[in-house]
Amino acid sequence: MLTFLEVVGLAHCKEVFYQNKIKGKDLLTLTEKELKHDLKMRMGDRKRFLNYRLFLASLEAENTKEKVKRRSKNSSYQFRSANSMRKALKTVKNYAMYE
């Protein structure tokens, strides 16, 4: 999870994620409200995080050849396995290099 934050340009947010015990599997379930109120992220950081979260979710859908599983009406997503998340993170890292 901390690597994800570094890759997408949010390394300065690592400490707050660590203090709140947010794990990699939690990344796709965070809502904008939680990012703003609980983690005190600024708007630009929230938008960047949420855009990459959607990108990760779409990669997960492609990797599993299934639709992303919606867990709530808040558009939260969940990876099916740690391996699929590692593959998606590698793709995000490559994508972020060209952004």
N, C-alpha and C. Protein backbone atom coordinates (compact mmCIF):
# COMPACT_ATOMS: atom_id res chain seq x y z
N MET A 1 0.82 -1.18 0.00
CA MET A 1 0.00 0.00 0.00
C MET A 1 0.87 1.24 0.00
N LEU A 2 1.92 1.25 0.79
CA LEU A 2 2.79 2.41 0.83
C LEU A 2 3.48 2.63 -0.50
N THR A 3 3.81 1.55 -1.20
CA THR A 3 4.40 1.66 -2.53
C THR A 3 3.41 2.30 -3.49
N PHE A 4 2.15 1.93 -3.40
CA PHE A 4 1.12 2.54 -4.25
C PHE A 4 1.10 4.05 -4.06
N LEU A 5 1.14 4.51 -2.82
CA LEU A 5 1.12 5.94 -2.55
C LEU A 5 2.33 6.64 -3.16
N GLU A 6 3.48 6.00 -3.08
CA GLU A 6 4.68 6.58 -3.68
C GLU A 6 4.55 6.66 -5.19
N VAL A 7 4.06 5.60 -5.80
CA VAL A 7 3.95 5.52 -7.26
C VAL A 7 3.02 6.61 -7.80
N VAL A 8 1.93 6.88 -7.12
CA VAL A 8 0.95 7.84 -7.63
C VAL A 8 1.20 9.26 -7.12
N GLY A 9 2.35 9.49 -6.52
CA GLY A 9 2.71 10.84 -6.09
C GLY A 9 2.11 11.29 -4.78
N LEU A 10 1.78 10.33 -3.93
CA LEU A 10 1.18 10.66 -2.63
C LEU A 10 2.05 10.15 -1.47
N ALA A 11 3.34 10.15 -1.68
CA ALA A 11 4.25 9.66 -0.63
C ALA A 11 4.10 10.44 0.66
N HIS A 12 3.74 11.70 0.55
CA HIS A 12 3.56 12.53 1.75
C HIS A 12 2.35 12.09 2.60
N CYS A 13 1.52 11.21 2.08
CA CYS A 13 0.35 10.71 2.81
C CYS A 13 0.62 9.37 3.50
N LYS A 14 1.81 8.81 3.31
CA LYS A 14 2.10 7.47 3.84
C LYS A 14 1.92 7.39 5.36
N GLU A 15 2.36 8.39 6.07
CA GLU A 15 2.31 8.34 7.53
C GLU A 15 0.87 8.24 8.04
N VAL A 16 -0.04 9.02 7.47
CA VAL A 16 -1.42 8.99 7.93
C VAL A 16 -2.08 7.64 7.60
N PHE A 17 -1.74 7.05 6.46
CA PHE A 17 -2.26 5.73 6.13
C PHE A 17 -1.72 4.69 7.11
N TYR A 18 -0.42 4.81 7.42
CA TYR A 18 0.21 3.88 8.36
C TYR A 18 -0.41 4.01 9.75
N GLN A 19 -0.59 5.25 10.21
CA GLN A 19 -1.16 5.49 11.54
C GLN A 19 -2.58 4.96 11.65
N ASN A 20 -3.31 4.98 10.55
CA ASN A 20 -4.68 4.50 10.55
C ASN A 20 -4.80 3.02 10.19
N LYS A 21 -3.65 2.36 10.09
CA LYS A 21 -3.57 0.91 9.84
C LYS A 21 -4.33 0.51 8.56
N ILE A 22 -4.20 1.32 7.52
CA ILE A 22 -4.83 1.02 6.24
C ILE A 22 -3.91 0.11 5.46
N LYS A 23 -4.41 -1.04 5.09
CA LYS A 23 -3.65 -2.05 4.36
C LYS A 23 -3.98 -1.97 2.88
N GLY A 24 -3.20 -2.68 2.08
CA GLY A 24 -3.41 -2.68 0.63
C GLY A 24 -4.82 -3.06 0.22
N LYS A 25 -5.38 -4.05 0.89
CA LYS A 25 -6.73 -4.49 0.52
C LYS A 25 -7.78 -3.43 0.82
N ASP A 26 -7.44 -2.45 1.66
CA ASP A 26 -8.38 -1.39 2.01
C ASP A 26 -8.40 -0.26 0.99
N LEU A 27 -7.39 -0.18 0.12
CA LEU A 27 -7.29 0.93 -0.82
C LEU A 27 -8.54 1.14 -1.66
N LEU A 28 -9.09 0.05 -2.14
CA LEU A 28 -10.23 0.16 -3.05
C LEU A 28 -11.56 0.34 -2.34
N THR A 29 -11.54 0.34 -1.02
CA THR A 29 -12.79 0.51 -0.29
C THR A 29 -12.91 1.89 0.34
N LEU A 30 -11.86 2.69 0.28
CA LEU A 30 -11.91 4.03 0.86
C LEU A 30 -12.82 4.95 0.05
N THR A 31 -13.65 5.70 0.73
CA THR A 31 -14.54 6.65 0.07
C THR A 31 -13.93 8.05 0.14
N GLU A 32 -14.45 8.94 -0.68
CA GLU A 32 -13.95 10.32 -0.65
C GLU A 32 -14.20 10.94 0.73
N LYS A 33 -15.33 10.62 1.33
CA LYS A 33 -15.65 11.14 2.66
C LYS A 33 -14.60 10.69 3.68
N GLU A 34 -14.21 9.43 3.64
CA GLU A 34 -13.18 8.93 4.57
C GLU A 34 -11.84 9.60 4.31
N LEU A 35 -11.50 9.77 3.03
CA LEU A 35 -10.23 10.43 2.70
C LEU A 35 -10.21 11.86 3.22
N LYS A 36 -11.33 12.55 3.10
CA LYS A 36 -11.40 13.95 3.50
C LYS A 36 -11.49 14.11 5.02
N HIS A 37 -12.44 13.44 5.63
CA HIS A 37 -12.72 13.67 7.05
C HIS A 37 -11.83 12.84 7.99
N ASP A 38 -11.62 11.59 7.66
CA ASP A 38 -10.85 10.73 8.55
C ASP A 38 -9.34 10.86 8.33
N LEU A 39 -8.93 10.95 7.06
CA LEU A 39 -7.50 11.01 6.76
C LEU A 39 -7.01 12.43 6.49
N LYS A 40 -7.94 13.38 6.43
CA LYS A 40 -7.61 14.80 6.25
C LYS A 40 -6.81 15.08 4.98
N MET A 41 -7.14 14.37 3.91
CA MET A 41 -6.45 14.59 2.64
C MET A 41 -7.01 15.82 1.95
N ARG A 42 -6.13 16.57 1.30
CA ARG A 42 -6.54 17.75 0.54
C ARG A 42 -7.24 17.31 -0.75
N MET A 43 -8.01 18.23 -1.35
CA MET A 43 -8.83 17.88 -2.50
C MET A 43 -8.00 17.31 -3.66
N GLY A 44 -6.90 17.93 -4.02
CA GLY A 44 -6.09 17.43 -5.13
C GLY A 44 -5.57 16.02 -4.87
N ASP A 45 -5.16 15.77 -3.63
CA ASP A 45 -4.68 14.43 -3.26
C ASP A 45 -5.81 13.42 -3.31
N ARG A 46 -6.99 13.82 -2.85
CA ARG A 46 -8.15 12.91 -2.90
C ARG A 46 -8.50 12.56 -4.33
N LYS A 47 -8.52 13.57 -5.19
CA LYS A 47 -8.87 13.34 -6.59
C LYS A 47 -7.85 12.42 -7.25
N ARG A 48 -6.57 12.65 -6.99
CA ARG A 48 -5.52 11.78 -7.56
C ARG A 48 -5.70 10.36 -7.06
N PHE A 49 -5.91 10.20 -5.77
CA PHE A 49 -6.09 8.87 -5.17
C PHE A 49 -7.30 8.18 -5.80
N LEU A 50 -8.42 8.88 -5.88
CA LEU A 50 -9.65 8.27 -6.39
C LEU A 50 -9.52 7.91 -7.87
N ASN A 51 -8.85 8.74 -8.66
CA ASN A 51 -8.64 8.41 -10.07
C ASN A 51 -7.80 7.16 -10.22
N TYR A 52 -6.72 7.05 -9.46
CA TYR A 52 -5.91 5.84 -9.53
C TYR A 52 -6.64 4.64 -8.96
N ARG A 53 -7.50 4.87 -7.98
CA ARG A 53 -8.29 3.76 -7.44
C ARG A 53 -9.20 3.20 -8.53
N LEU A 54 -9.83 4.07 -9.31
CA LEU A 54 -10.67 3.60 -10.41
C LEU A 54 -9.84 2.87 -11.46
N PHE A 55 -8.64 3.38 -11.71
CA PHE A 55 -7.73 2.73 -12.65
C PHE A 55 -7.36 1.33 -12.15
N LEU A 56 -7.05 1.22 -10.86
CA LEU A 56 -6.75 -0.09 -10.28
C LEU A 56 -7.95 -1.03 -10.40
N ALA A 57 -9.13 -0.50 -10.14
CA ALA A 57 -10.33 -1.32 -10.21
C ALA A 57 -10.56 -1.84 -11.63
N SER A 58 -10.31 -0.98 -12.62
CA SER A 58 -10.49 -1.42 -14.01
C SER A 58 -9.45 -2.47 -14.38
N LEU A 59 -8.23 -2.32 -13.87
CA LEU A 59 -7.20 -3.34 -14.12
C LEU A 59 -7.59 -4.67 -13.49
N GLU A 60 -8.14 -4.60 -12.30
CA GLU A 60 -8.58 -5.82 -11.63
C GLU A 60 -9.66 -6.50 -12.44
N ALA A 61 -10.58 -5.71 -12.99
CA ALA A 61 -11.66 -6.29 -13.81
C ALA A 61 -11.08 -6.96 -15.05
N GLU A 62 -10.10 -6.33 -15.67
CA GLU A 62 -9.47 -6.91 -16.86
C GLU A 62 -8.71 -8.19 -16.50
N ASN A 63 -8.00 -8.16 -15.37
CA ASN A 63 -7.20 -9.32 -14.97
C ASN A 63 -8.05 -10.53 -14.65
N THR A 64 -9.20 -10.33 -14.12
CA THR A 64 -10.04 -11.46 -13.73
C THR A 64 -11.08 -11.80 -14.79
N LYS A 65 -11.17 -10.95 -15.82
CA LYS A 65 -12.16 -11.15 -16.90
C LYS A 65 -13.59 -11.12 -16.36
N GLU A 66 -13.76 -10.43 -15.23
CA GLU A 66 -15.08 -10.29 -14.64
C GLU A 66 -15.28 -8.82 -14.29
N LYS A 67 -16.52 -8.46 -14.06
CA LYS A 67 -16.80 -7.11 -13.59
C LYS A 67 -16.26 -6.96 -12.18
N VAL A 68 -15.87 -5.73 -11.84
CA VAL A 68 -15.42 -5.45 -10.48
C VAL A 68 -16.60 -5.61 -9.54
N LYS A 69 -16.32 -6.27 -8.43
CA LYS A 69 -17.38 -6.54 -7.45
C LYS A 69 -17.66 -5.27 -6.64
N ARG A 70 -18.88 -4.76 -6.74
CA ARG A 70 -19.26 -3.60 -5.92
C ARG A 70 -19.69 -4.11 -4.55
N ARG A 71 -19.13 -3.48 -3.52
CA ARG A 71 -19.44 -3.90 -2.17
C ARG A 71 -20.47 -3.02 -1.48
N SER A 72 -20.66 -1.81 -1.99
CA SER A 72 -21.64 -0.93 -1.35
C SER A 72 -22.09 0.12 -2.34
N LYS A 73 -23.04 0.91 -1.97
CA LYS A 73 -23.50 1.97 -2.85
C LYS A 73 -22.50 3.11 -2.95
N ASN A 74 -21.42 3.07 -2.18
CA ASN A 74 -20.38 4.09 -2.22
C ASN A 74 -19.34 3.80 -3.30
N SER A 75 -19.62 2.89 -4.21
CA SER A 75 -18.70 2.53 -5.30
C SER A 75 -17.37 2.00 -4.78
N SER A 76 -17.39 1.22 -3.74
CA SER A 76 -16.18 0.62 -3.21
C SER A 76 -15.88 -0.66 -3.97
N TYR A 77 -14.61 -0.94 -4.15
CA TYR A 77 -14.19 -2.12 -4.89
C TYR A 77 -13.27 -2.96 -4.03
N GLN A 78 -13.08 -4.21 -4.44
CA GLN A 78 -12.21 -5.11 -3.70
C GLN A 78 -11.45 -5.99 -4.68
N PHE A 79 -10.13 -6.12 -4.48
CA PHE A 79 -9.35 -7.03 -5.30
C PHE A 79 -9.70 -8.46 -4.91
N ARG A 80 -9.62 -9.34 -5.88
CA ARG A 80 -9.93 -10.74 -5.63
C ARG A 80 -8.76 -11.47 -4.99
N SER A 81 -7.53 -10.97 -5.19
CA SER A 81 -6.37 -11.62 -4.58
C SER A 81 -5.22 -10.63 -4.46
N ALA A 82 -4.27 -10.94 -3.58
CA ALA A 82 -3.09 -10.10 -3.41
C ALA A 82 -2.25 -10.10 -4.68
N ASN A 83 -2.21 -11.22 -5.37
CA ASN A 83 -1.43 -11.32 -6.61
C ASN A 83 -1.99 -10.38 -7.68
N SER A 84 -3.31 -10.30 -7.80
CA SER A 84 -3.89 -9.42 -8.81
C SER A 84 -3.62 -7.96 -8.45
N MET A 85 -3.55 -7.64 -7.16
CA MET A 85 -3.23 -6.28 -6.76
C MET A 85 -1.78 -5.95 -7.11
N ARG A 86 -0.87 -6.89 -6.92
CA ARG A 86 0.54 -6.66 -7.27
C ARG A 86 0.69 -6.41 -8.77
N LYS A 87 -0.01 -7.17 -9.59
CA LYS A 87 0.04 -6.97 -11.03
C LYS A 87 -0.50 -5.59 -11.40
N ALA A 88 -1.60 -5.20 -10.79
CA ALA A 88 -2.20 -3.90 -11.07
C ALA A 88 -1.27 -2.78 -10.65
N LEU A 89 -0.61 -2.93 -9.50
CA LEU A 89 0.31 -1.90 -9.03
C LEU A 89 1.48 -1.73 -9.99
N LYS A 90 1.94 -2.82 -10.55
CA LYS A 90 3.03 -2.74 -11.54
C LYS A 90 2.56 -1.95 -12.76
N THR A 91 1.34 -2.17 -13.20
CA THR A 91 0.80 -1.44 -14.34
C THR A 91 0.62 0.03 -14.00
N VAL A 92 0.15 0.32 -12.79
CA VAL A 92 -0.01 1.71 -12.36
C VAL A 92 1.34 2.41 -12.34
N LYS A 93 2.35 1.72 -11.88
CA LYS A 93 3.69 2.29 -11.81
C LYS A 93 4.16 2.67 -13.22
N ASN A 94 3.94 1.79 -14.18
CA ASN A 94 4.32 2.08 -15.56
C ASN A 94 3.50 3.24 -16.11
N TYR A 95 2.21 3.27 -15.81
CA TYR A 95 1.32 4.34 -16.27
C TYR A 95 1.74 5.69 -15.68
N ALA A 96 2.04 5.71 -14.39
CA ALA A 96 2.40 6.96 -13.70
C ALA A 96 3.68 7.57 -14.25
N MET A 97 4.57 6.74 -14.79
CA MET A 97 5.83 7.25 -15.33
C MET A 97 5.57 8.14 -16.54
N TYR A 98 4.49 7.91 -17.27
CA TYR A 98 4.21 8.67 -18.49
C TYR A 98 3.23 9.81 -18.27
N GLU A 99 2.72 9.95 -17.09
CA GLU A 99 1.73 10.98 -16.81
C GLU A 99 2.38 12.33 -16.58
